[in-house]
Structures are given as C-alpha cells and as structure tokens.
C-alpha cells in the first residue's frame, strides 16, 4: 500500500475504528478457529461445532459477531446455512497472523 493511501485511511476515524473491530474479532481463539476452518472450505454450523469443540449456540454467537464485522458471509443450502469467508483479505489476515506468530522470537 502506498503512503498516500495509508495516510488517507488513517485520517478516516470510521475506517480506523472498523479496523480495530476486525482485529478485536481475530483476537478470540474460537473465532480464529472458525475463520481458519473457513479458509479451508465453506462450512455449516454443525461442522464448525465439531472442529471447534464448542456448543452450537457458542458457534452461532461467534458467527453473528463475525458477520457483523463483515468477516464471514452466509448462504442457505436447503435447511442449512453455509458460512464462508467474506473475501480474500480475511484469509490474508489469518495467514499473516499465523506466519508472524511462527517467527522465532528475539532471544529464543
């Protein structure tokens, strides 16, 4: 991203607030698990429940928050709702976060 564009984005309080909400959503272990699972494939609530080992209501609550922050989208498939990542940016955020976390720490 060029410096001019970055300056424009940083000058917009609504954009900065939206970014903080995205990072807040990514900071929860279960939400991060959900997003990571959706990085691999679109999934239903019951599939996410199996992966994350939490209750259906907990998954639904986390998905609602992720939808509110435009990180996931949903579509109906018969009686099931299938969730997917909203766009490629979400996958990039997850990948960058994982790569950064895997880097050796100074002094290790």
Protein backbone atom coordinates (compact mmCIF):
# COMPACT_ATOMS: atom_id res chain seq x y z
CA UNK A 1 0.00 0.00 0.00
CA UNK A 2 1.40 3.39 -0.89
CA UNK A 3 2.00 6.01 1.78
CA UNK A 4 -0.63 8.41 0.41
CA UNK A 5 -3.37 5.76 0.58
CA UNK A 6 -2.29 4.74 4.08
CA UNK A 7 -2.44 8.37 5.23
CA UNK A 8 -5.95 8.73 3.76
CA UNK A 9 -7.17 5.61 5.56
CA UNK A 10 -5.58 6.59 8.86
CA UNK A 11 -7.24 10.02 8.66
CA UNK A 12 -10.70 8.42 8.48
CA UNK A 13 -11.83 7.63 12.03
CA UNK A 14 -14.58 5.29 10.79
CA UNK A 15 -12.04 3.22 8.84
CA UNK A 16 -9.64 3.08 11.79
CA UNK A 17 -12.48 2.05 14.11
CA UNK A 18 -13.57 -0.65 11.63
CA UNK A 19 -10.02 -1.99 11.51
CA UNK A 20 -9.85 -2.18 15.31
CA UNK A 21 -13.13 -4.12 15.31
CA UNK A 22 -11.66 -6.60 12.82
CA UNK A 23 -8.55 -7.16 14.93
CA UNK A 24 -10.71 -7.47 18.04
CA UNK A 25 -12.69 -10.23 16.31
CA UNK A 26 -9.48 -12.00 15.31
CA UNK A 27 -8.19 -11.94 18.89
CA UNK A 28 -10.62 -14.60 20.14
CA UNK A 29 -9.41 -18.23 19.94
CA UNK A 30 -12.77 -19.70 18.86
CA UNK A 31 -13.37 -17.01 16.24
CA UNK A 32 -9.86 -17.55 14.89
CA UNK A 33 -10.56 -21.31 14.70
CA UNK A 34 -13.79 -20.63 12.81
CA UNK A 35 -12.06 -18.34 10.32
CA UNK A 36 -9.20 -20.81 9.86
CA UNK A 37 -11.68 -23.63 9.18
CA UNK A 38 -13.49 -21.44 6.65
CA UNK A 39 -10.16 -20.71 4.99
CA UNK A 40 -10.05 -24.41 4.06
CA UNK A 41 -13.70 -24.74 2.95
CA UNK A 42 -17.21 -23.37 3.40
CA UNK A 43 -18.92 -24.98 6.40
CA UNK A 44 -22.19 -25.30 8.30
CA UNK A 45 -22.67 -24.51 11.99
CA UNK A 46 -22.60 -28.22 12.88
CA UNK A 47 -19.31 -28.72 11.00
CA UNK A 48 -17.80 -25.72 12.79
CA UNK A 49 -19.08 -27.05 16.09
CA UNK A 50 -17.20 -30.33 15.53
CA UNK A 51 -14.00 -28.51 14.60
CA UNK A 52 -14.07 -26.01 17.48
CA UNK A 53 -15.49 -28.34 20.16
CA UNK A 54 -17.95 -25.76 21.50
CA UNK A 55 -21.74 -25.66 21.66
CA UNK A 56 -23.94 -24.78 18.72
CA UNK A 57 -25.10 -21.63 20.50
CA UNK A 58 -21.47 -20.56 21.03
CA UNK A 59 -20.68 -21.08 17.34
CA UNK A 60 -23.81 -19.18 16.31
CA UNK A 61 -22.89 -16.31 18.64
CA UNK A 62 -19.36 -16.09 17.24
CA UNK A 63 -20.61 -16.30 13.65
CA UNK A 64 -23.04 -13.44 14.31
CA UNK A 65 -20.15 -11.30 15.54
CA UNK A 66 -18.00 -12.26 12.54
CA UNK A 67 -20.87 -11.42 10.18
CA UNK A 68 -21.36 -8.05 11.89
CA UNK A 69 -17.72 -7.27 11.14
CA UNK A 70 -18.05 -8.46 7.52
CA UNK A 71 -15.52 -11.25 8.01
CA UNK A 72 -17.88 -14.08 7.05
CA UNK A 73 -20.91 -14.38 4.82
CA UNK A 74 -23.75 -16.89 4.85
CA UNK A 75 -25.95 -18.57 2.26
CA UNK A 76 -28.80 -21.05 2.54
CA UNK A 77 -28.46 -24.56 1.22
CA UNK A 78 -31.78 -26.24 1.85
CA UNK A 79 -32.36 -26.04 5.59
CA UNK A 80 -28.69 -25.46 6.38
CA UNK A 81 -26.80 -22.19 6.45
CA UNK A 82 -23.34 -22.40 4.94
CA UNK A 83 -20.67 -19.93 6.02
CA UNK A 84 -17.66 -18.72 4.08
CA UNK A 85 -15.01 -16.03 4.37
CA UNK A 86 -16.27 -12.69 3.05
CA UNK A 87 -13.28 -12.12 0.78
CA UNK A 88 -9.60 -12.88 0.22
CA UNK A 89 -8.49 -10.16 2.66
CA UNK A 90 -9.74 -12.26 5.59
CA UNK A 91 -7.60 -15.21 4.51
CA UNK A 92 -4.59 -12.93 4.11
CA UNK A 93 -5.05 -11.59 7.65
CA UNK A 94 -5.18 -15.12 9.05
CA UNK A 95 -2.14 -16.24 7.06
CA UNK A 96 -0.08 -13.19 8.00
CA UNK A 97 -1.03 -13.59 11.67
CA UNK A 98 -0.01 -17.26 11.67
CA UNK A 99 3.28 -16.56 9.88
CA UNK A 100 4.11 -13.76 12.30
CA UNK A 101 3.26 -15.92 15.33
CA UNK A 102 5.51 -18.72 13.97
CA UNK A 103 8.55 -16.45 13.60
CA UNK A 104 11.33 -17.03 16.11
CA UNK A 105 11.14 -14.52 18.94
CA UNK A 106 14.10 -12.37 19.76
CA UNK A 107 16.26 -14.13 22.34
CA UNK A 108 14.98 -17.65 21.51
